Amino acid sequence: MGNKLTFTELICGTHLGLERQGPGSSEMTIKALSFLDALCDNPRIVDLGCGTGGQTMTLAQNSNGNITGIDQFSEFIEVLNNNANKLNLGNRVSGIVGDMLNLPFGKEEIDVIWCEGAIDSIGFEKGFVYWNEFIKKDGYVVVTCPSWLTDEHPTEIQKFWRDAGSGLDTIGNNVGIMQKAGFIPVAVFTLPERCWTDYFIPREEAGKVLLERHTGNEDVKAFIQNDKHEVELYLRCKQYYGYVFYIGKKI
């Protein structure tokens, strides 16, 4: 069976070498950034669940913001900080280990909270309600979250995302949550299929390497099999759900 791997080891083993730790692209990050009007010259941006910082670097290269990346995995933060220095962005970009629901900032101190692919782990409503206190008036919260794209909600999809700890909801319900939490919906758009495949392909290769390194380990086998199931489900049912960008401006 082999030595038991921790969840952190499994996640890092399949994601540490990836540019992004979830569906997305630089093009979609830049598109979302284009909806943020009237930011100050040097906005303070916080990138939550930043991973190794793929979108963090895109934000830094396309704004004058000072950006703090926060992630629970120290291994990801180490890569982010190294990459920021390699790109000569270390004066404006830094990563710290932290919790999205325990932020080390003061009231109305932040211009933009950015969160690609991570709000789903804590709950869409919980994220917007908690983060509101840290956002300046007319500041923004920008997230991507898996969402239903149709009125039909197949049971197989519901089960997969429920088992993954997701609160998969409709776009309309999520927009309503944003409004109740004190944000004006500025823009909502769905990530294209290539954002998924560009994530799945390198993750699959990383999974093969992890399997080879831990031959016969049942924990690794089960983890990789679940990843394969996620890919198969998406390719078969992608018309029903997808990752969606939600951009809200604080009232």
C-alpha atoms as a PDB file:
ATOM      1  CA  MET A   1       0.000   0.000   0.000  1.00  0.00           C
ATOM      2  CA  GLY A   2       2.890   2.406   0.668  1.00  0.00           C
ATOM      3  CA  ASN A   3       3.165   5.259   3.122  1.00  0.00           C
ATOM      4  CA  LYS A   4       0.034   7.323   3.640  1.00  0.00           C
ATOM      5  CA  LEU A   5       0.284  10.752   2.019  1.00  0.00           C
ATOM      6  CA  THR A   6      -1.306  13.826   3.577  1.00  0.00           C
ATOM      7  CA  PHE A   7      -3.824  15.915   1.666  1.00  0.00           C
ATOM      8  CA  THR A   8      -1.192  18.637   1.342  1.00  0.00           C
ATOM      9  CA  GLU A   9       1.250  16.168  -0.201  1.00  0.00           C
ATOM     10  CA  LEU A  10      -1.376  14.983  -2.674  1.00  0.00           C
ATOM     11  CA  ILE A  11      -2.355  18.531  -3.666  1.00  0.00           C
ATOM     12  CA  CYS A  12       1.220  19.719  -3.984  1.00  0.00           C
ATOM     13  CA  GLY A  13       2.212  16.571  -5.849  1.00  0.00           C
ATOM     14  CA  THR A  14      -0.362  17.258  -8.562  1.00  0.00           C
ATOM     15  CA  HIS A  15      -0.407  21.075  -8.529  1.00  0.00           C
ATOM     16  CA  LEU A  16       2.923  22.529  -7.402  1.00  0.00           C
ATOM     17  CA  GLY A  17       4.474  22.557 -10.871  1.00  0.00           C
ATOM     18  CA  LEU A  18       1.371  23.944 -12.596  1.00  0.00           C
ATOM     19  CA  GLU A  19       1.103  27.573 -13.660  1.00  0.00           C
ATOM     20  CA  ARG A  20      -2.451  27.618 -12.298  1.00  0.00           C
ATOM     21  CA  GLN A  21      -4.085  25.425  -9.674  1.00  0.00           C
ATOM     22  CA  GLY A  22      -7.526  25.579 -11.288  1.00  0.00           C
ATOM     23  CA  PRO A  23      -9.333  26.538 -14.509  1.00  0.00           C
ATOM     24  CA  GLY A  24      -8.418  30.003 -15.814  1.00  0.00           C
ATOM     25  CA  SER A  25      -6.098  31.919 -18.124  1.00  0.00           C
ATOM     26  CA  SER A  26      -4.175  35.166 -18.325  1.00  0.00           C
ATOM     27  CA  GLU A  27      -6.611  36.358 -21.001  1.00  0.00           C
ATOM     28  CA  MET A  28      -9.614  35.846 -18.715  1.00  0.00           C
ATOM     29  CA  THR A  29      -7.844  37.489 -15.770  1.00  0.00           C
ATOM     30  CA  ILE A  30      -7.086  40.535 -17.942  1.00  0.00           C
ATOM     31  CA  LYS A  31     -10.683  40.593 -19.194  1.00  0.00           C
ATOM     32  CA  ALA A  32     -11.999  40.612 -15.619  1.00  0.00           C
ATOM     33  CA  LEU A  33      -9.498  43.317 -14.644  1.00  0.00           C
ATOM     34  CA  SER A  34     -10.771  45.510 -17.484  1.00  0.00           C
ATOM     35  CA  PHE A  35     -14.136  45.890 -15.700  1.00  0.00           C
ATOM     36  CA  LEU A  36     -12.556  47.580 -12.672  1.00  0.00           C
ATOM     37  CA  ASP A  37     -13.036  51.311 -13.238  1.00  0.00           C
ATOM     38  CA  ALA A  38     -11.714  54.283 -11.283  1.00  0.00           C
ATOM     39  CA  LEU A  39      -9.138  52.425  -9.200  1.00  0.00           C
ATOM     40  CA  CYS A  40      -6.534  54.606  -7.501  1.00  0.00           C
ATOM     41  CA  ASP A  41      -3.056  54.815  -9.038  1.00  0.00           C
ATOM     42  CA  ASN A  42      -1.624  52.185  -6.695  1.00  0.00           C
ATOM     43  CA  PRO A  43      -4.522  49.962  -5.630  1.00  0.00           C
ATOM     44  CA  ARG A  44      -4.047  47.521  -2.788  1.00  0.00           C
ATOM     45  CA  ILE A  45      -5.005  44.102  -4.127  1.00  0.00           C
ATOM     46  CA  VAL A  46      -5.322  40.866  -2.181  1.00  0.00           C
ATOM     47  CA  ASP A  47      -5.291  37.588  -4.128  1.00  0.00           C
ATOM     48  CA  LEU A  48      -6.931  34.907  -1.987  1.00  0.00           C
ATOM     49  CA  GLY A  49      -6.272  31.230  -2.621  1.00  0.00           C
ATOM     50  CA  CYS A  50      -3.502  32.471  -4.893  1.00  0.00           C
ATOM     51  CA  GLY A  51      -1.735  29.135  -5.358  1.00  0.00           C
ATOM     52  CA  THR A  52       1.642  29.574  -7.044  1.00  0.00           C
ATOM     53  CA  GLY A  53       0.502  32.942  -8.361  1.00  0.00           C
ATOM     54  CA  GLY A  54      -0.287  32.517 -12.061  1.00  0.00           C
ATOM     55  CA  GLN A  55      -3.061  35.111 -11.943  1.00  0.00           C
ATOM     56  CA  THR A  56      -1.152  37.141  -9.324  1.00  0.00           C
ATOM     57  CA  MET A  57       1.640  37.837 -11.795  1.00  0.00           C
ATOM     58  CA  THR A  58      -0.879  38.697 -14.514  1.00  0.00           C
ATOM     59  CA  LEU A  59      -2.536  41.205 -12.174  1.00  0.00           C
ATOM     60  CA  ALA A  60       0.822  42.760 -11.336  1.00  0.00           C
ATOM     61  CA  GLN A  61       1.864  42.986 -14.983  1.00  0.00           C
ATOM     62  CA  ASN A  62      -1.413  44.640 -15.976  1.00  0.00           C
ATOM     63  CA  SER A  63      -1.914  47.070 -13.089  1.00  0.00           C
ATOM     64  CA  ASN A  64       0.090  49.297 -10.768  1.00  0.00           C
ATOM     65  CA  GLY A  65      -1.257  47.475  -7.765  1.00  0.00           C
ATOM     66  CA  ASN A  66       0.555  46.331  -4.661  1.00  0.00           C
ATOM     67  CA  ILE A  67      -0.537  42.733  -4.345  1.00  0.00           C
ATOM     68  CA  THR A  68      -0.574  40.346  -1.395  1.00  0.00           C
ATOM     69  CA  GLY A  69      -1.170  36.699  -2.269  1.00  0.00           C
ATOM     70  CA  ILE A  70      -2.601  34.484   0.466  1.00  0.00           C
ATOM     71  CA  ASP A  71      -2.763  30.687   0.383  1.00  0.00           C
ATOM     72  CA  GLN A  72      -2.926  27.915   2.973  1.00  0.00           C
ATOM     73  CA  PHE A  73      -0.096  25.939   1.359  1.00  0.00           C
ATOM     74  CA  SER A  74       3.376  27.256   2.176  1.00  0.00           C
ATOM     75  CA  GLU A  75       4.816  25.341  -0.795  1.00  0.00           C
ATOM     76  CA  PHE A  76       2.694  27.424  -3.185  1.00  0.00           C
ATOM     77  CA  ILE A  77       3.646  30.679  -1.475  1.00  0.00           C
ATOM     78  CA  GLU A  78       7.340  29.865  -1.784  1.00  0.00           C
ATOM     79  CA  VAL A  79       6.937  29.418  -5.560  1.00  0.00           C
ATOM     80  CA  LEU A  80       4.919  32.648  -5.829  1.00  0.00           C
ATOM     81  CA  ASN A  81       7.575  34.703  -4.047  1.00  0.00           C
ATOM     82  CA  ASN A  82      10.368  33.169  -6.126  1.00  0.00           C
ATOM     83  CA  ASN A  83       8.480  33.902  -9.349  1.00  0.00           C
ATOM     84  CA  ALA A  84       7.761  37.485  -8.267  1.00  0.00           C
ATOM     85  CA  ASN A  85      11.475  38.065  -7.743  1.00  0.00           C
ATOM     86  CA  LYS A  86      12.389  36.423 -11.075  1.00  0.00           C
ATOM     87  CA  LEU A  87       9.958  38.767 -12.847  1.00  0.00           C
ATOM     88  CA  ASN A  88      11.277  41.808 -10.940  1.00  0.00           C
ATOM     89  CA  LEU A  89       7.899  42.210  -9.244  1.00  0.00           C
ATOM     90  CA  GLY A  90       9.097  41.558  -5.701  1.00  0.00           C
ATOM     91  CA  ASN A  91       8.693  45.231  -4.786  1.00  0.00           C
ATOM     92  CA  ARG A  92       4.936  45.043  -5.469  1.00  0.00           C
ATOM     93  CA  VAL A  93       4.038  41.353  -5.027  1.00  0.00           C
ATOM     94  CA  SER A  94       4.430  39.210  -1.925  1.00  0.00           C
ATOM     95  CA  GLY A  95       2.851  35.987  -0.762  1.00  0.00           C
ATOM     96  CA  ILE A  96       1.994  34.911   2.775  1.00  0.00           C
ATOM     97  CA  VAL A  97       0.498  31.773   4.283  1.00  0.00           C
ATOM     98  CA  GLY A  98      -2.963  32.498   5.604  1.00  0.00           C
ATOM     99  CA  ASP A  99      -6.683  31.810   5.836  1.00  0.00           C
ATOM    100  CA  MET A 100      -9.332  33.401   3.595  1.00  0.00           C
ATOM    101  CA  LEU A 101     -11.639  33.639   6.609  1.00  0.00           C
ATOM    102  CA  ASN A 102      -9.076  35.197   8.934  1.00  0.00           C
ATOM    103  CA  LEU A 103      -7.545  38.097   7.031  1.00  0.00           C
ATOM    104  CA  PRO A 104      -4.792  40.247   8.607  1.00  0.00           C
ATOM    105  CA  PHE A 105      -6.147  43.573   7.346  1.00  0.00           C
ATOM    106  CA  GLY A 106      -8.028  46.508   8.769  1.00  0.00           C
ATOM    107  CA  LYS A 107     -11.560  47.683   8.009  1.00  0.00           C
ATOM    108  CA  GLU A 108     -11.980  49.120   4.477  1.00  0.00           C
ATOM    109  CA  GLU A 109      -8.255  48.832   3.819  1.00  0.00           C
ATOM    110  CA  ILE A 110      -8.349  46.928   0.507  1.00  0.00           C
ATOM    111  CA  ASP A 111      -9.230  48.181  -2.988  1.00  0.00           C
ATOM    112  CA  VAL A 112      -9.661  44.766  -4.606  1.00  0.00           C
ATOM    113  CA  ILE A 113     -10.077  41.232  -3.318  1.00  0.00           C
ATOM    114  CA  TRP A 114      -9.335  38.754  -6.105  1.00  0.00           C
ATOM    115  CA  CYS A 115     -10.076  35.052  -5.761  1.00  0.00           C
ATOM    116  CA  GLU A 116      -9.888  32.701  -8.734  1.00  0.00           C
ATOM    117  CA  GLY A 117     -11.246  29.242  -8.004  1.00  0.00           C
ATOM    118  CA  ALA A 118     -11.075  29.315  -4.201  1.00  0.00           C
ATOM    119  CA  ILE A 119     -14.247  30.955  -2.857  1.00  0.00           C
ATOM    120  CA  ASP A 120     -16.137  27.708  -3.427  1.00  0.00           C
ATOM    121  CA  SER A 121     -14.107  26.050  -0.664  1.00  0.00           C
ATOM    122  CA  ILE A 122     -15.545  28.397   1.979  1.00  0.00           C
ATOM    123  CA  GLY A 123     -18.927  29.210   0.449  1.00  0.00           C
ATOM    124  CA  PHE A 124     -19.918  31.991  -1.955  1.00  0.00           C
ATOM    125  CA  GLU A 125     -22.100  33.858   0.534  1.00  0.00           C
ATOM    126  CA  LYS A 126     -19.689  33.476   3.442  1.00  0.00           C
ATOM    127  CA  GLY A 127     -16.863  34.878   1.320  1.00  0.00           C
ATOM    128  CA  PHE A 128     -18.702  37.969   0.087  1.00  0.00           C
ATOM    129  CA  VAL A 129     -20.204  38.768   3.493  1.00  0.00           C
ATOM    130  CA  TYR A 130     -16.889  38.427   5.366  1.00  0.00           C
ATOM    131  CA  TRP A 131     -14.725  40.178   2.781  1.00  0.00           C
ATOM    132  CA  ASN A 132     -17.083  43.177   2.594  1.00  0.00           C
ATOM    133  CA  GLU A 133     -15.634  44.685   5.778  1.00  0.00           C
ATOM    134  CA  PHE A 134     -12.129  44.842   4.294  1.00  0.00           C
ATOM    135  CA  ILE A 135     -13.131  46.484   0.988  1.00  0.00           C
ATOM    136  CA  LYS A 136     -13.148  50.262   0.557  1.00  0.00           C
ATOM    137  CA  LYS A 137     -16.291  51.935  -0.715  1.00  0.00           C
ATOM    138  CA  ASP A 138     -16.352  51.548  -4.523  1.00  0.00           C
ATOM    139  CA  GLY A 139     -13.776  48.744  -4.206  1.00  0.00           C
ATOM    140  CA  TYR A 140     -14.228  45.354  -5.817  1.00  0.00           C
ATOM    141  CA  VAL A 141     -14.473  41.667  -5.115  1.00  0.00           C
ATOM    142  CA  VAL A 142     -13.635  39.516  -8.146  1.00  0.00           C
ATOM    143  CA  VAL A 143     -14.028  35.734  -8.006  1.00  0.00           C
ATOM    144  CA  THR A 144     -14.429  32.662 -10.153  1.00  0.00           C
ATOM    145  CA  CYS A 145     -16.733  29.948  -8.928  1.00  0.00           C
ATOM    146  CA  PRO A 146     -18.170  26.762 -10.484  1.00  0.00           C
ATOM    147  CA  SER A 147     -21.810  27.452 -11.324  1.00  0.00           C
ATOM    148  CA  TRP A 148     -24.792  25.920 -13.057  1.00  0.00           C
ATOM    149  CA  LEU A 149     -25.184  27.205 -16.630  1.00  0.00           C
ATOM    150  CA  THR A 150     -28.596  25.631 -17.262  1.00  0.00           C
ATOM    151  CA  ASP A 151     -31.874  25.044 -15.467  1.00  0.00           C
ATOM    152  CA  GLU A 152     -31.268  21.295 -15.668  1.00  0.00           C
ATOM    153  CA  HIS A 153     -29.062  19.994 -12.831  1.00  0.00           C
ATOM    154  CA  PRO A 154     -28.108  16.329 -13.423  1.00  0.00           C
ATOM    155  CA  THR A 155     -27.794  14.268 -10.243  1.00  0.00           C
ATOM    156  CA  GLU A 156     -24.345  12.934 -11.190  1.00  0.00           C
ATOM    157  CA  ILE A 157     -22.912  16.451 -11.332  1.00  0.00           C
ATOM    158  CA  GLN A 158     -24.620  17.469  -8.101  1.00  0.00           C
ATOM    159  CA  LYS A 159     -23.136  14.445  -6.311  1.00  0.00           C
ATOM    160  CA  PHE A 160     -19.594  15.038  -7.549  1.00  0.00           C
ATOM    161  CA  TRP A 161     -19.496  18.678  -6.487  1.00  0.00           C
ATOM    162  CA  ARG A 162     -21.323  18.025  -3.217  1.00  0.00           C
ATOM    163  CA  ASP A 163     -18.779  15.321  -2.360  1.00  0.00           C
ATOM    164  CA  ALA A 164     -16.036  17.831  -3.213  1.00  0.00           C
ATOM    165  CA  GLY A 165     -17.494  20.253  -0.662  1.00  0.00           C
ATOM    166  CA  SER A 166     -18.951  22.623  -3.238  1.00  0.00           C
ATOM    167  CA  GLY A 167     -22.093  24.685  -2.968  1.00  0.00           C
ATOM    168  CA  LEU A 168     -22.678  24.598  -6.737  1.00  0.00           C
ATOM    169  CA  ASP A 169     -25.375  27.214  -7.402  1.00  0.00           C
ATOM    170  CA  THR A 170     -26.957  29.082 -10.297  1.00  0.00           C
ATOM    171  CA  ILE A 171     -25.546  32.315 -11.682  1.00  0.00           C
ATOM    172  CA  GLY A 172     -28.760  34.115 -10.759  1.00  0.00           C
ATOM    173  CA  ASN A 173     -28.614  32.988  -7.128  1.00  0.00           C
ATOM    174  CA  ASN A 174     -24.956  33.971  -6.845  1.00  0.00           C
ATOM    175  CA  VAL A 175     -25.652  37.435  -8.257  1.00  0.00           C
ATOM    176  CA  GLY A 176     -28.428  37.806  -5.692  1.00  0.00           C
ATOM    177  CA  ILE A 177     -26.002  36.837  -2.925  1.00  0.00           C
ATOM    178  CA  MET A 178     -23.552  39.486  -4.121  1.00  0.00           C
ATOM    179  CA  GLN A 179     -26.272  42.133  -4.016  1.00  0.00           C
ATOM    180  CA  LYS A 180     -27.444  41.165  -0.523  1.00  0.00           C
ATOM    181  CA  ALA A 181     -23.828  41.278   0.677  1.00  0.00           C
ATOM    182  CA  GLY A 182     -23.562  44.925  -0.428  1.00  0.00           C
ATOM    183  CA  PHE A 183     -22.132  44.699  -3.948  1.00  0.00           C
ATOM    184  CA  ILE A 184     -23.369  45.940  -7.312  1.00  0.00           C
ATOM    185  CA  PRO A 185     -22.923  43.261  -9.997  1.00  0.00           C
ATOM    186  CA  VAL A 186     -20.523  44.789 -12.533  1.00  0.00           C
ATOM    187  CA  ALA A 187     -19.941  41.817 -14.819  1.00  0.00           C
ATOM    188  CA  VAL A 188     -20.525  38.070 -15.021  1.00  0.00           C
ATOM    189  CA  PHE A 189     -18.996  35.821 -17.680  1.00  0.00           C
ATOM    190  CA  THR A 190     -18.215  32.139 -18.147  1.00  0.00           C
ATOM    191  CA  LEU A 191     -14.724  30.769 -18.648  1.00  0.00           C
ATOM    192  CA  PRO A 192     -14.244  29.057 -22.038  1.00  0.00           C
ATOM    193  CA  GLU A 193     -13.571  25.324 -22.279  1.00  0.00           C
ATOM    194  CA  ARG A 194      -9.854  25.827 -22.961  1.00  0.00           C
ATOM    195  CA  CYS A 195      -9.455  27.197 -19.427  1.00  0.00           C
ATOM    196  CA  TRP A 196     -10.421  23.741 -18.164  1.00  0.00           C
ATOM    197  CA  THR A 197      -8.373  21.691 -20.625  1.00  0.00           C
ATOM    198  CA  ASP A 198      -5.272  23.862 -20.136  1.00  0.00           C
ATOM    199  CA  TYR A 199      -5.545  22.985 -16.437  1.00  0.00           C
ATOM    200  CA  PHE A 200      -6.504  19.329 -16.786  1.00  0.00           C
ATOM    201  CA  ILE A 201      -3.692  18.331 -19.189  1.00  0.00           C
ATOM    202  CA  PRO A 202      -0.685  19.373 -17.053  1.00  0.00           C
ATOM    203  CA  ARG A 203      -2.444  18.126 -13.899  1.00  0.00           C
ATOM    204  CA  GLU A 204      -2.860  14.703 -15.516  1.00  0.00           C
ATOM    205  CA  GLU A 205       0.859  14.596 -16.343  1.00  0.00           C
ATOM    206  CA  ALA A 206       1.732  15.557 -12.770  1.00  0.00           C
ATOM    207  CA  GLY A 207      -0.582  12.802 -11.547  1.00  0.00           C
ATOM    208  CA  LYS A 208       1.250  10.207 -13.624  1.00  0.00           C
ATOM    209  CA  VAL A 209       4.557  11.269 -12.099  1.00  0.00           C
ATOM    210  CA  LEU A 210       3.073  11.057  -8.594  1.00  0.00           C
ATOM    211  CA  LEU A 211       1.737   7.550  -9.306  1.00  0.00           C
ATOM    212  CA  GLU A 212       5.126   6.406 -10.554  1.00  0.00           C
ATOM    213  CA  ARG A 213       6.800   7.833  -7.480  1.00  0.00           C
ATOM    214  CA  HIS A 214       4.348   6.027  -5.168  1.00  0.00           C
ATOM    215  CA  THR A 215       3.715   2.763  -7.013  1.00  0.00           C
ATOM    216  CA  GLY A 216       1.017   0.711  -5.327  1.00  0.00           C
ATOM    217  CA  ASN A 217      -0.064   3.470  -2.951  1.00  0.00           C
ATOM    218  CA  GLU A 218      -3.849   3.204  -2.686  1.00  0.00           C
ATOM    219  CA  ASP A 219      -4.277   6.766  -1.410  1.00  0.00           C
ATOM    220  CA  VAL A 220      -2.520   8.163  -4.465  1.00  0.00           C
ATOM    221  CA  LYS A 221      -4.485   5.857  -6.782  1.00  0.00           C
ATOM    222  CA  ALA A 222      -7.801   7.005  -5.302  1.00  0.00           C
ATOM    223  CA  PHE A 223      -6.816  10.678  -5.479  1.00  0.00           C
ATOM    224  CA  ILE A 224      -5.749  10.435  -9.134  1.00  0.00           C
ATOM    225  CA  GLN A 225      -8.850   8.423  -9.995  1.00  0.00           C
ATOM    226  CA  ASN A 226     -11.032  11.186  -8.580  1.00  0.00           C
ATOM    227  CA  ASP A 227      -9.153  13.705 -10.737  1.00  0.00           C
ATOM    228  CA  LYS A 228      -9.812  11.499 -13.789  1.00  0.00           C
ATOM    229  CA  HIS A 229     -13.497  11.313 -12.893  1.00  0.00           C
ATOM    230  CA  GLU A 230     -13.629  15.118 -12.705  1.00  0.00           C
ATOM    231  CA  VAL A 231     -12.190  15.375 -16.225  1.00  0.00           C
ATOM    232  CA  GLU A 232     -14.522  12.711 -17.650  1.00  0.00           C
ATOM    233  CA  LEU A 233     -17.552  14.333 -16.029  1.00  0.00           C
ATOM    234  CA  TYR A 234     -16.681  17.766 -17.388  1.00  0.00           C
ATOM    235  CA  LEU A 235     -16.044  16.549 -20.932  1.00  0.00           C
ATOM    236  CA  ARG A 236     -19.359  14.696 -20.887  1.00  0.00           C
ATOM    237  CA  CYS A 237     -21.473  17.344 -19.126  1.00  0.00           C
ATOM    238  CA  LYS A 238     -19.760  20.703 -19.771  1.00  0.00           C
ATOM    239  CA  GLN A 239     -22.961  22.220 -21.159  1.00  0.00           C
ATOM    240  CA  TYR A 240     -24.502  22.144 -17.675  1.00  0.00           C
ATOM    241  CA  TYR A 241     -21.835  23.832 -15.543  1.00  0.00           C
ATOM    242  CA  GLY A 242     -18.610  25.806 -15.666  1.00  0.00           C
ATOM    243  CA  TYR A 243     -16.433  28.310 -13.879  1.00  0.00           C
ATOM    244  CA  VAL A 244     -17.887  31.819 -13.907  1.00  0.00           C
ATOM    245  CA  PHE A 245     -16.269  35.183 -13.174  1.00  0.00           C
ATOM    246  CA  TYR A 246     -18.311  37.367 -10.801  1.00  0.00           C
ATOM    247  CA  ILE A 247     -17.275  41.008 -10.385  1.00  0.00           C
ATOM    248  CA  GLY A 248     -18.941  43.054  -7.661  1.00  0.00           C
ATOM    249  CA  LYS A 249     -18.437  46.699  -6.662  1.00  0.00           C
ATOM    250  CA  LYS A 250     -19.017  47.663  -3.027  1.00  0.00           C
ATOM    251  CA  ILE A 251     -21.815  50.147  -2.526  1.00  0.00           C
END
